């Protein structure tokens, strides 16, 4: 029964009440003397213009200001003479042979060999077959000196009775300057282009 009364009291306290006007309180009688306004000139009827005092330049500030002015002068647009159109970029030189280096990770056999562009494929370590479709060297006006070759690499195991069909391991461009990015990487073999030659 007590708990029911507590719930009822709680509900009554949570419910909104009707608004009532606030009674104005009478101002208490003060015994303090009334304040007098400060003595001085009365406020002007028109606004007064206030000028800031002249700035004082310290020697260090003068150097900073001078440097800022020089930088501002340097940033101003300069009328430039007409820019000449650059000459047509040189074409990359195509070569007849790609020089490839391959490693057999199982036997640690490594070999550097040449593959003719568009010619007969070359077999490395009896299983890997390399064929090259293009081999180019960069021109002198390029930023880095590089050799680039488009290489097809397939794996063909030689069986006792009949060779198995070749399985392609890699097809794409290999860059001599970045062999880790564009070379052949498999569990058993690594191969990358070293250069191009005639």
N, C-alpha and C. Protein backbone atom coordinates (compact mmCIF):
# COMPACT_ATOMS: atom_id res chain seq x y z
N UNK A 1 0.81 -1.18 0.00
CA UNK A 1 0.00 0.00 0.00
C UNK A 1 0.86 1.26 0.00
N UNK A 2 1.93 1.19 0.75
CA UNK A 2 2.81 2.34 0.79
C UNK A 2 3.44 2.59 -0.57
N UNK A 3 3.79 1.51 -1.23
CA UNK A 3 4.43 1.68 -2.54
C UNK A 3 3.46 2.27 -3.53
N UNK A 4 2.17 1.92 -3.43
CA UNK A 4 1.18 2.49 -4.34
C UNK A 4 1.03 3.98 -4.07
N UNK A 5 1.10 4.39 -2.80
CA UNK A 5 1.01 5.81 -2.47
C UNK A 5 2.22 6.58 -2.98
N UNK A 6 3.40 5.96 -2.93
CA UNK A 6 4.62 6.60 -3.41
C UNK A 6 4.55 6.78 -4.92
N UNK A 7 3.98 5.79 -5.64
CA UNK A 7 3.85 5.88 -7.09
C UNK A 7 2.89 7.00 -7.44
N UNK A 8 1.78 7.09 -6.70
CA UNK A 8 0.79 8.14 -6.96
C UNK A 8 1.40 9.51 -6.71
N UNK A 9 2.17 9.66 -5.63
CA UNK A 9 2.81 10.94 -5.33
C UNK A 9 3.82 11.29 -6.40
N UNK A 10 4.55 10.31 -6.89
CA UNK A 10 5.53 10.54 -7.94
C UNK A 10 4.85 10.99 -9.22
N UNK A 11 3.72 10.35 -9.56
CA UNK A 11 2.98 10.72 -10.77
C UNK A 11 2.46 12.13 -10.64
N UNK A 12 1.99 12.49 -9.47
CA UNK A 12 1.45 13.83 -9.26
C UNK A 12 2.54 14.89 -9.36
N UNK A 13 3.74 14.54 -8.88
CA UNK A 13 4.84 15.50 -8.94
C UNK A 13 5.34 15.67 -10.37
N UNK A 14 5.29 14.60 -11.20
CA UNK A 14 5.80 14.66 -12.56
C UNK A 14 4.82 15.32 -13.52
N UNK A 15 3.56 15.34 -13.18
CA UNK A 15 2.58 15.91 -14.11
C UNK A 15 2.72 17.43 -14.14
N UNK A 16 2.43 18.06 -15.30
CA UNK A 16 2.58 19.51 -15.38
C UNK A 16 1.57 20.23 -14.49
N UNK A 17 1.98 21.36 -13.98
CA UNK A 17 1.08 22.15 -13.14
C UNK A 17 0.54 23.31 -13.96
N UNK A 18 -0.54 23.88 -13.47
CA UNK A 18 -1.11 25.06 -14.12
C UNK A 18 -0.22 26.26 -13.83
N UNK A 19 -0.08 27.12 -14.82
CA UNK A 19 0.74 28.31 -14.65
C UNK A 19 0.03 29.31 -13.77
N UNK A 20 0.78 30.00 -12.95
CA UNK A 20 0.22 31.03 -12.07
C UNK A 20 1.03 32.31 -12.28
N UNK A 21 0.36 33.44 -12.19
CA UNK A 21 1.12 34.70 -12.31
C UNK A 21 2.04 34.90 -11.12
N UNK A 22 3.16 35.53 -11.38
CA UNK A 22 4.13 35.78 -10.32
C UNK A 22 3.75 37.07 -9.62
N UNK A 23 3.77 37.02 -8.31
CA UNK A 23 3.46 38.24 -7.56
C UNK A 23 4.68 39.14 -7.59
N UNK A 24 4.43 40.43 -7.83
CA UNK A 24 5.54 41.36 -7.84
C UNK A 24 5.96 41.63 -6.43
N UNK A 25 7.24 41.61 -6.27
CA UNK A 25 7.77 41.86 -4.94
C UNK A 25 7.93 43.35 -4.74
N UNK A 26 7.61 43.79 -3.59
CA UNK A 26 7.79 45.20 -3.29
C UNK A 26 9.26 45.47 -3.10
N UNK A 27 9.70 46.59 -3.62
CA UNK A 27 11.11 46.94 -3.49
C UNK A 27 11.41 47.22 -2.04
N UNK A 28 12.45 46.62 -1.52
CA UNK A 28 12.78 46.87 -0.12
C UNK A 28 13.27 48.30 0.06
N UNK A 29 12.95 48.83 1.18
CA UNK A 29 13.41 50.19 1.47
C UNK A 29 14.90 50.15 1.70
N UNK A 30 15.61 50.99 0.95
CA UNK A 30 17.06 50.96 1.09
C UNK A 30 17.49 52.12 1.95
N UNK A 31 18.45 51.88 2.69
CA UNK A 31 18.96 52.92 3.56
C UNK A 31 20.23 53.53 2.99
N UNK A 32 20.72 52.98 1.83
CA UNK A 32 21.95 53.51 1.24
C UNK A 32 21.63 54.81 0.52
N UNK A 33 22.56 55.78 0.54
CA UNK A 33 22.30 57.03 -0.15
C UNK A 33 22.32 56.81 -1.65
N UNK A 34 21.59 57.63 -2.38
CA UNK A 34 21.53 57.54 -3.84
C UNK A 34 22.88 57.93 -4.44
N UNK A 35 23.25 57.21 -5.53
CA UNK A 35 24.55 57.49 -6.16
C UNK A 35 24.44 58.75 -7.00
N UNK A 36 25.52 59.47 -7.04
CA UNK A 36 25.57 60.67 -7.88
C UNK A 36 26.42 60.37 -9.10
N UNK A 37 26.02 60.88 -10.28
CA UNK A 37 26.82 60.62 -11.48
C UNK A 37 28.19 61.28 -11.35
N UNK A 38 29.22 60.66 -12.03
CA UNK A 38 30.56 61.23 -11.93
C UNK A 38 30.61 62.60 -12.60
N UNK A 39 31.49 63.41 -12.10
CA UNK A 39 31.63 64.74 -12.67
C UNK A 39 32.46 64.67 -13.94
N UNK A 40 32.17 65.47 -14.92
CA UNK A 40 32.93 65.50 -16.16
C UNK A 40 32.13 66.18 -17.22
N UNK A 41 32.71 66.20 -18.40
CA UNK A 41 32.03 66.86 -19.52
C UNK A 41 30.89 65.96 -20.00
N UNK A 42 29.80 66.57 -20.43
CA UNK A 42 28.70 65.76 -20.95
C UNK A 42 29.09 65.09 -22.28
N UNK A 43 28.41 64.01 -22.64
CA UNK A 43 28.71 63.28 -23.89
C UNK A 43 28.46 64.20 -25.07
N UNK A 44 29.32 64.12 -26.12
CA UNK A 44 29.12 64.98 -27.28
C UNK A 44 27.89 64.54 -28.07
N UNK A 45 27.28 65.51 -28.74
CA UNK A 45 26.09 65.18 -29.51
C UNK A 45 26.43 64.55 -30.85
N UNK A 46 27.62 64.74 -31.39
CA UNK A 46 28.06 64.12 -32.65
C UNK A 46 29.25 63.20 -32.37
N UNK A 47 29.43 62.15 -33.21
CA UNK A 47 30.56 61.23 -32.97
C UNK A 47 31.90 61.94 -33.13
N UNK A 48 32.85 61.51 -32.34
CA UNK A 48 34.20 62.06 -32.38
C UNK A 48 35.10 61.07 -33.10
N UNK A 49 35.90 61.57 -34.07
CA UNK A 49 36.83 60.71 -34.81
C UNK A 49 38.08 60.54 -33.99
N UNK A 50 38.48 59.28 -33.80
CA UNK A 50 39.68 58.98 -33.03
C UNK A 50 40.74 58.49 -34.01
N UNK A 51 41.87 59.12 -34.03
CA UNK A 51 42.97 58.70 -34.90
C UNK A 51 43.98 57.93 -34.07
N UNK A 52 44.47 56.80 -34.63
CA UNK A 52 45.45 56.02 -33.86
C UNK A 52 46.79 56.76 -33.83
N UNK A 53 47.57 56.50 -32.82
CA UNK A 53 48.89 57.14 -32.76
C UNK A 53 49.78 56.59 -33.86
N UNK A 54 50.77 57.36 -34.30
CA UNK A 54 51.67 56.86 -35.35
C UNK A 54 52.41 55.62 -34.87
N UNK A 55 52.60 54.67 -35.82
CA UNK A 55 53.23 53.42 -35.43
C UNK A 55 54.72 53.62 -35.25
N UNK A 56 55.25 52.95 -34.28
CA UNK A 56 56.66 53.02 -33.99
C UNK A 56 57.30 51.79 -34.61
N UNK A 57 58.33 51.98 -35.44
CA UNK A 57 58.99 50.87 -36.12
C UNK A 57 60.26 50.54 -35.37
N UNK A 58 60.33 49.30 -34.96
CA UNK A 58 61.53 48.80 -34.29
C UNK A 58 62.45 48.26 -35.37
N UNK A 59 63.74 48.26 -35.15
CA UNK A 59 64.72 47.86 -36.17
C UNK A 59 64.43 46.45 -36.69
N UNK A 60 64.09 45.51 -35.83
CA UNK A 60 63.80 44.14 -36.27
C UNK A 60 62.56 44.12 -37.14
N UNK A 61 61.52 44.90 -36.72
CA UNK A 61 60.29 44.97 -37.49
C UNK A 61 60.54 45.57 -38.87
N UNK A 62 61.46 46.52 -38.96
CA UNK A 62 61.77 47.14 -40.24
C UNK A 62 62.36 46.11 -41.19
N UNK A 63 63.23 45.25 -40.70
CA UNK A 63 63.82 44.22 -41.55
C UNK A 63 62.76 43.23 -42.01
N UNK A 64 61.85 42.87 -41.13
CA UNK A 64 60.76 41.94 -41.48
C UNK A 64 59.84 42.58 -42.50
N UNK A 65 59.51 43.87 -42.30
CA UNK A 65 58.64 44.57 -43.24
C UNK A 65 59.30 44.69 -44.60
N UNK A 66 60.61 44.96 -44.61
CA UNK A 66 61.34 45.07 -45.87
C UNK A 66 61.35 43.74 -46.61
N UNK A 67 61.55 42.66 -45.89
CA UNK A 67 61.55 41.33 -46.50
C UNK A 67 60.17 40.99 -47.05
N UNK A 68 59.11 41.36 -46.33
CA UNK A 68 57.74 41.11 -46.80
C UNK A 68 57.46 41.88 -48.08
N UNK A 69 57.96 43.12 -48.15
CA UNK A 69 57.78 43.91 -49.37
C UNK A 69 58.51 43.26 -50.55
N UNK A 70 59.72 42.74 -50.31
CA UNK A 70 60.48 42.07 -51.38
C UNK A 70 59.74 40.83 -51.86
N UNK A 71 59.17 40.07 -50.93
CA UNK A 71 58.43 38.87 -51.31
C UNK A 71 57.18 39.23 -52.11
N UNK A 72 56.52 40.31 -51.71
CA UNK A 72 55.34 40.75 -52.45
C UNK A 72 55.71 41.17 -53.87
N UNK A 73 56.85 41.83 -54.02
CA UNK A 73 57.32 42.22 -55.36
C UNK A 73 57.63 40.98 -56.20
N UNK A 74 58.22 39.96 -55.55
CA UNK A 74 58.57 38.74 -56.28
C UNK A 74 57.34 37.97 -56.72
N UNK A 75 56.25 38.08 -55.95
CA UNK A 75 55.03 37.34 -56.27
C UNK A 75 54.19 38.02 -57.33
N UNK A 76 54.48 39.28 -57.65
CA UNK A 76 53.69 39.97 -58.66
C UNK A 76 53.86 39.26 -60.00
N UNK A 77 52.79 39.16 -60.78
CA UNK A 77 52.93 38.48 -62.08
C UNK A 77 53.87 39.24 -63.00
N UNK A 78 54.72 38.48 -63.63
CA UNK A 78 55.69 39.04 -64.56
C UNK A 78 55.21 38.73 -65.96
N UNK A 79 55.27 39.70 -66.82
CA UNK A 79 54.87 39.47 -68.21
C UNK A 79 55.98 38.67 -68.87
N UNK A 80 55.61 37.49 -69.30
CA UNK A 80 56.60 36.61 -69.90
C UNK A 80 56.44 36.64 -71.40
N UNK A 81 57.56 36.39 -72.06
CA UNK A 81 57.47 36.32 -73.50
C UNK A 81 56.75 35.03 -73.88
N UNK A 82 56.27 35.00 -75.08
CA UNK A 82 55.47 33.85 -75.54
C UNK A 82 56.27 32.57 -75.38
N UNK A 83 55.61 31.57 -74.83
CA UNK A 83 56.26 30.29 -74.61
C UNK A 83 56.26 29.52 -75.93
N UNK A 84 57.43 29.10 -76.30
CA UNK A 84 57.54 28.35 -77.54
C UNK A 84 57.04 26.93 -77.32
N UNK A 85 56.39 26.39 -78.33
CA UNK A 85 55.92 25.01 -78.25
C UNK A 85 57.13 24.09 -78.26
N UNK A 86 57.17 23.12 -77.34
CA UNK A 86 58.31 22.21 -77.33
C UNK A 86 58.32 21.37 -78.60
N UNK A 87 59.50 20.96 -78.95
CA UNK A 87 59.64 20.12 -80.13
C UNK A 87 58.95 18.79 -79.88
N UNK A 88 58.59 18.12 -80.94
CA UNK A 88 57.95 16.82 -80.82
C UNK A 88 58.89 15.88 -80.07
N UNK A 89 58.37 15.19 -79.03
CA UNK A 89 59.26 14.31 -78.28
C UNK A 89 59.82 13.20 -79.17
N UNK A 90 61.04 12.83 -78.86
CA UNK A 90 61.70 11.79 -79.65
C UNK A 90 61.01 10.45 -79.40
N UNK A 91 61.00 9.63 -80.44
CA UNK A 91 60.41 8.30 -80.31
C UNK A 91 61.41 7.36 -79.65
N UNK A 92 60.88 6.43 -78.89
CA UNK A 92 61.75 5.43 -78.27
C UNK A 92 62.34 4.54 -79.34
N UNK A 93 63.56 4.14 -79.09
CA UNK A 93 64.26 3.30 -80.06
C UNK A 93 63.94 1.83 -79.79
N UNK A 94 63.47 1.16 -80.83
CA UNK A 94 63.17 -0.27 -80.70
C UNK A 94 64.44 -1.07 -80.98
N UNK A 95 64.61 -2.13 -80.24
CA UNK A 95 65.78 -3.00 -80.39
C UNK A 95 65.33 -4.39 -80.83
N UNK A 96 66.29 -5.18 -81.32
CA UNK A 96 65.98 -6.52 -81.87
C UNK A 96 65.97 -7.60 -80.81
N UNK A 97 66.71 -7.39 -79.72
CA UNK A 97 66.83 -8.43 -78.69
C UNK A 97 66.55 -7.86 -77.31
N UNK A 98 65.90 -8.65 -76.48
CA UNK A 98 65.70 -8.31 -75.07
C UNK A 98 66.65 -9.19 -74.26
N UNK A 99 67.33 -8.58 -73.31
CA UNK A 99 68.23 -9.33 -72.42
C UNK A 99 67.45 -9.58 -71.13
N UNK A 100 67.29 -10.86 -70.80
CA UNK A 100 66.49 -11.27 -69.65
C UNK A 100 67.36 -12.06 -68.69
N UNK A 101 67.12 -11.86 -67.40
CA UNK A 101 67.80 -12.65 -66.38
C UNK A 101 66.74 -13.43 -65.63
N UNK A 102 67.01 -14.72 -65.42
CA UNK A 102 66.06 -15.59 -64.73
C UNK A 102 66.80 -16.41 -63.68
N UNK A 103 66.05 -16.80 -62.65
CA UNK A 103 66.63 -17.62 -61.59
C UNK A 103 65.65 -18.73 -61.24
N UNK A 104 66.19 -19.93 -61.11
CA UNK A 104 65.42 -21.08 -60.64
C UNK A 104 65.65 -21.15 -59.13
N UNK A 105 64.63 -20.93 -58.35
CA UNK A 105 64.78 -20.86 -56.90
C UNK A 105 65.07 -22.21 -56.27
N UNK A 106 64.70 -23.28 -56.95
CA UNK A 106 64.93 -24.62 -56.41
C UNK A 106 66.40 -25.01 -56.50
N UNK A 107 66.99 -24.80 -57.66
CA UNK A 107 68.38 -25.20 -57.88
C UNK A 107 69.36 -24.04 -57.74
N UNK A 108 68.88 -22.81 -57.56
CA UNK A 108 69.69 -21.59 -57.46
C UNK A 108 70.46 -21.33 -58.75
N UNK A 109 69.97 -21.88 -59.86
CA UNK A 109 70.60 -21.63 -61.16
C UNK A 109 70.11 -20.28 -61.69
N UNK A 110 71.02 -19.44 -62.10
CA UNK A 110 70.66 -18.14 -62.66
C UNK A 110 71.33 -17.99 -64.02
N UNK A 111 70.66 -17.30 -64.91
CA UNK A 111 71.20 -17.14 -66.25
C UNK A 111 70.68 -15.84 -66.86
N UNK A 112 71.57 -15.18 -67.61
CA UNK A 112 71.21 -14.00 -68.38
C UNK A 112 71.25 -14.42 -69.84
N UNK A 113 70.16 -14.19 -70.58
CA UNK A 113 70.08 -14.67 -71.97
C UNK A 113 69.32 -13.66 -72.83
N UNK A 114 69.44 -13.81 -74.14
CA UNK A 114 68.79 -12.92 -75.10
C UNK A 114 67.61 -13.63 -75.74
N UNK A 115 66.54 -12.85 -75.99
CA UNK A 115 65.37 -13.37 -76.69
C UNK A 115 65.09 -12.41 -77.83
N UNK A 116 64.96 -12.96 -79.05
CA UNK A 116 64.72 -12.12 -80.22
C UNK A 116 63.27 -11.63 -80.22
N UNK A 117 63.11 -10.33 -80.54
CA UNK A 117 61.77 -9.74 -80.60
C UNK A 117 61.02 -10.33 -81.78
N UNK A 118 59.87 -10.94 -81.52
CA UNK A 118 59.06 -11.55 -82.57
C UNK A 118 59.68 -12.82 -83.15
N UNK A 119 60.73 -13.28 -82.56
CA UNK A 119 61.42 -14.47 -83.07
C UNK A 119 61.03 -15.73 -82.30
N UNK A 120 61.91 -16.68 -82.42
CA UNK A 120 61.69 -17.98 -81.79
C UNK A 120 61.75 -17.87 -80.27
N UNK A 121 60.81 -18.50 -79.53
CA UNK A 121 60.85 -18.46 -78.07
C UNK A 121 62.10 -19.14 -77.51
N UNK A 122 62.48 -18.75 -76.32
CA UNK A 122 63.66 -19.29 -75.66
C UNK A 122 63.20 -20.02 -74.40
N UNK A 123 63.78 -21.21 -74.19
CA UNK A 123 63.43 -22.03 -73.03
C UNK A 123 64.53 -21.89 -71.98
N UNK A 124 64.11 -21.64 -70.72
CA UNK A 124 65.05 -21.56 -69.61
C UNK A 124 64.80 -22.73 -68.68
N UNK A 125 65.85 -23.47 -68.36
CA UNK A 125 65.81 -24.56 -67.39
C UNK A 125 64.74 -25.59 -67.73
N UNK A 126 64.58 -25.88 -68.97
CA UNK A 126 63.70 -26.92 -69.53
C UNK A 126 62.21 -26.66 -69.29
N UNK A 127 61.81 -25.68 -68.48
CA UNK A 127 60.39 -25.50 -68.18
C UNK A 127 59.83 -24.14 -68.59
N UNK A 128 60.58 -23.08 -68.41
CA UNK A 128 60.08 -21.73 -68.72
C UNK A 128 60.32 -21.39 -70.17
N UNK A 129 59.31 -20.84 -70.83
CA UNK A 129 59.41 -20.44 -72.23
C UNK A 129 59.18 -18.93 -72.30
N UNK A 130 60.16 -18.21 -72.86
CA UNK A 130 60.11 -16.75 -72.99
C UNK A 130 59.93 -16.37 -74.45
N UNK A 131 58.99 -15.48 -74.72
CA UNK A 131 58.88 -14.85 -76.04
C UNK A 131 58.67 -13.36 -75.82
N UNK A 132 59.29 -12.56 -76.69
CA UNK A 132 59.26 -11.10 -76.54
C UNK A 132 58.59 -10.50 -77.75
N UNK A 133 57.67 -9.57 -77.51
CA UNK A 133 56.96 -8.90 -78.61
C UNK A 133 57.52 -7.53 -78.92
N UNK A 134 58.14 -6.87 -77.95
CA UNK A 134 58.73 -5.54 -78.17
C UNK A 134 59.81 -5.29 -77.13
N UNK A 135 60.80 -4.52 -77.52
CA UNK A 135 61.85 -4.11 -76.59
C UNK A 135 62.28 -2.70 -76.99
N UNK A 136 62.17 -1.75 -76.08
CA UNK A 136 62.48 -0.35 -76.36
C UNK A 136 63.38 0.22 -75.28
N UNK A 137 64.15 1.23 -75.67
CA UNK A 137 64.95 1.98 -74.70
C UNK A 137 64.44 3.41 -74.68
N UNK A 138 64.57 4.05 -73.54
CA UNK A 138 64.07 5.41 -73.40
C UNK A 138 64.93 6.39 -74.19
N UNK A 139 64.35 7.53 -74.48
CA UNK A 139 65.05 8.57 -75.24
C UNK A 139 65.84 9.45 -74.28
N UNK A 140 66.81 10.21 -74.80
CA UNK A 140 67.61 11.08 -73.91
C UNK A 140 66.80 12.16 -73.21
N UNK A 141 65.64 12.57 -73.77
CA UNK A 141 64.86 13.63 -73.13
C UNK A 141 63.95 13.13 -72.02
N UNK A 142 63.92 11.83 -71.77
CA UNK A 142 63.13 11.30 -70.65
C UNK A 142 63.93 11.39 -69.36
N UNK A 143 63.21 11.41 -68.24
CA UNK A 143 63.86 11.64 -66.95
C UNK A 143 64.78 10.50 -66.52
N UNK A 144 64.36 9.26 -66.73
CA UNK A 144 65.18 8.12 -66.32
C UNK A 144 65.54 7.28 -67.53
N UNK A 145 66.69 6.69 -67.45
CA UNK A 145 67.14 5.79 -68.51
C UNK A 145 66.63 4.40 -68.19
N UNK A 146 65.94 3.78 -69.14
CA UNK A 146 65.29 2.52 -68.85
C UNK A 146 65.20 1.67 -70.12
N UNK A 147 65.03 0.38 -69.93
CA UNK A 147 64.73 -0.55 -71.01
C UNK A 147 63.40 -1.20 -70.67
N UNK A 148 62.54 -1.30 -71.68
CA UNK A 148 61.18 -1.79 -71.47
C UNK A 148 60.91 -2.89 -72.49
N UNK A 149 60.39 -4.02 -72.04
CA UNK A 149 60.11 -5.14 -72.95
C UNK A 149 58.74 -5.73 -72.64
N UNK A 150 58.02 -6.10 -73.72
CA UNK A 150 56.74 -6.79 -73.56
C UNK A 150 57.04 -8.28 -73.68
N UNK A 151 56.83 -9.02 -72.58
CA UNK A 151 57.29 -10.40 -72.48
C UNK A 151 56.12 -11.32 -72.16
N UNK A 152 56.13 -12.50 -72.83
CA UNK A 152 55.21 -13.60 -72.50
C UNK A 152 56.06 -14.70 -71.89
N UNK A 153 55.65 -15.16 -70.71
CA UNK A 153 56.35 -16.27 -70.06
C UNK A 153 55.34 -17.36 -69.77
N UNK A 154 55.64 -18.57 -70.23
CA UNK A 154 54.76 -19.71 -69.94
C UNK A 154 55.57 -20.86 -69.38
N UNK A 155 54.89 -21.73 -68.68
CA UNK A 155 55.51 -22.89 -68.03
C UNK A 155 55.02 -24.13 -68.75
N UNK A 156 55.98 -24.94 -69.23
CA UNK A 156 55.62 -26.18 -69.92
C UNK A 156 56.54 -27.28 -69.42
N UNK A 157 55.97 -28.19 -68.66
CA UNK A 157 56.76 -29.30 -68.15
C UNK A 157 56.94 -30.33 -69.25
N UNK A 158 58.11 -30.87 -69.35
CA UNK A 158 58.37 -31.90 -70.35
C UNK A 158 58.08 -33.26 -69.73
N UNK A 159 57.04 -33.87 -70.25
CA UNK A 159 56.69 -35.20 -69.77
C UNK A 159 57.51 -36.26 -70.49
N UNK A 160 57.44 -37.50 -70.01
CA UNK A 160 58.19 -38.60 -70.62
C UNK A 160 57.62 -38.93 -71.99
N UNK A 161 56.30 -39.09 -72.07
CA UNK A 161 55.69 -39.47 -73.34
C UNK A 161 55.35 -38.25 -74.20
N UNK A 162 54.69 -37.26 -73.61
CA UNK A 162 54.19 -36.13 -74.38
C UNK A 162 54.28 -34.87 -73.53
N UNK A 163 54.72 -33.75 -74.08
CA UNK A 163 54.79 -32.53 -73.28
C UNK A 163 53.38 -32.01 -72.96
N UNK A 164 53.24 -31.47 -71.77
CA UNK A 164 51.95 -30.91 -71.34
C UNK A 164 51.73 -29.56 -72.03
N UNK A 165 50.48 -29.12 -72.06
CA UNK A 165 50.18 -27.81 -72.65
C UNK A 165 50.82 -26.71 -71.82
N UNK A 166 51.34 -25.68 -72.46
CA UNK A 166 51.98 -24.60 -71.69
C UNK A 166 50.94 -23.80 -70.89
N UNK A 167 51.33 -23.39 -69.71
CA UNK A 167 50.48 -22.58 -68.84
C UNK A 167 51.14 -21.21 -68.69
N UNK A 168 50.37 -20.18 -68.97
CA UNK A 168 50.93 -18.83 -68.94
C UNK A 168 51.16 -18.37 -67.51
N UNK A 169 52.39 -17.86 -67.25
CA UNK A 169 52.75 -17.33 -65.93
C UNK A 169 52.76 -15.81 -65.90
N UNK A 170 53.15 -15.20 -67.01
CA UNK A 170 53.28 -13.74 -67.04
C UNK A 170 53.08 -13.25 -68.46
N UNK A 171 52.40 -12.12 -68.59
CA UNK A 171 52.29 -11.42 -69.86
C UNK A 171 52.18 -9.94 -69.54
N UNK A 172 53.10 -9.16 -70.07
CA UNK A 172 53.05 -7.72 -69.83
C UNK A 172 54.39 -7.07 -70.00
N UNK A 173 54.43 -5.79 -69.64
CA UNK A 173 55.65 -5.00 -69.77
C UNK A 173 56.53 -5.22 -68.55
N UNK A 174 57.82 -5.41 -68.82
CA UNK A 174 58.83 -5.48 -67.76
C UNK A 174 59.73 -4.28 -67.91
N UNK A 175 60.06 -3.65 -66.79
CA UNK A 175 60.91 -2.47 -66.78
C UNK A 175 62.23 -2.81 -66.10
N UNK A 176 63.33 -2.51 -66.76
CA UNK A 176 64.64 -2.81 -66.19
C UNK A 176 64.90 -2.00 -64.94
N UNK A 177 64.36 -0.78 -64.87
CA UNK A 177 64.62 0.08 -63.71
C UNK A 177 63.88 -0.38 -62.46
N UNK A 178 62.82 -1.16 -62.61
CA UNK A 178 62.06 -1.62 -61.43
C UNK A 178 61.68 -3.09 -61.60
N UNK A 179 62.63 -3.99 -61.46
CA UNK A 179 62.34 -5.41 -61.66
C UNK A 179 61.39 -6.00 -60.62
N UNK A 180 61.40 -5.47 -59.42
CA UNK A 180 60.52 -6.02 -58.38
C UNK A 180 59.06 -5.67 -58.64
N UNK A 181 58.82 -4.59 -59.35
CA UNK A 181 57.44 -4.16 -59.60
C UNK A 181 56.85 -4.90 -60.78
N UNK A 182 57.64 -5.12 -61.82
CA UNK A 182 57.06 -5.62 -63.06
C UNK A 182 57.68 -6.92 -63.55
N UNK A 183 58.39 -7.62 -62.75
CA UNK A 183 59.01 -8.87 -63.20
C UNK A 183 58.14 -10.08 -62.88
N UNK A 184 58.59 -11.23 -63.35
CA UNK A 184 57.91 -12.49 -63.05
C UNK A 184 58.34 -12.94 -61.66
N UNK A 185 57.37 -13.19 -60.81
CA UNK A 185 57.65 -13.71 -59.48
C UNK A 185 56.71 -14.88 -59.22
N UNK A 186 57.27 -16.06 -59.13
CA UNK A 186 56.48 -17.25 -58.86
C UNK A 186 57.18 -18.03 -57.76
N UNK A 187 56.55 -19.06 -57.23
CA UNK A 187 57.21 -19.83 -56.16
C UNK A 187 58.53 -20.48 -56.59
N UNK A 188 58.66 -20.81 -57.88
CA UNK A 188 59.87 -21.51 -58.33
C UNK A 188 60.82 -20.66 -59.16
N UNK A 189 60.31 -19.60 -59.79
CA UNK A 189 61.13 -18.82 -60.71
C UNK A 189 60.94 -17.32 -60.49
N UNK A 190 62.00 -16.57 -60.77
CA UNK A 190 61.96 -15.13 -60.90
C UNK A 190 62.62 -14.79 -62.22
N UNK A 191 62.07 -13.78 -62.92
CA UNK A 191 62.67 -13.34 -64.18
C UNK A 191 62.37 -11.86 -64.37
N UNK A 192 63.31 -11.14 -64.97
CA UNK A 192 63.14 -9.72 -65.21
C UNK A 192 63.99 -9.33 -66.41
N UNK A 193 63.61 -8.22 -67.06
CA UNK A 193 64.37 -7.73 -68.20
C UNK A 193 65.55 -6.91 -67.67
N UNK A 194 66.70 -7.06 -68.30
CA UNK A 194 67.90 -6.35 -67.93
C UNK A 194 68.16 -5.19 -68.89
N UNK A 195 67.88 -5.41 -70.18
CA UNK A 195 68.13 -4.37 -71.16
C UNK A 195 67.68 -4.81 -72.54
N UNK A 196 67.92 -3.94 -73.52
CA UNK A 196 67.61 -4.23 -74.91
C UNK A 196 68.86 -3.98 -75.73
N UNK A 197 69.06 -4.74 -76.78
CA UNK A 197 70.23 -4.55 -77.63
C UNK A 197 69.90 -4.89 -79.07
N UNK A 198 70.73 -4.41 -80.00
CA UNK A 198 70.56 -4.70 -81.43
C UNK A 198 71.23 -5.98 -81.82
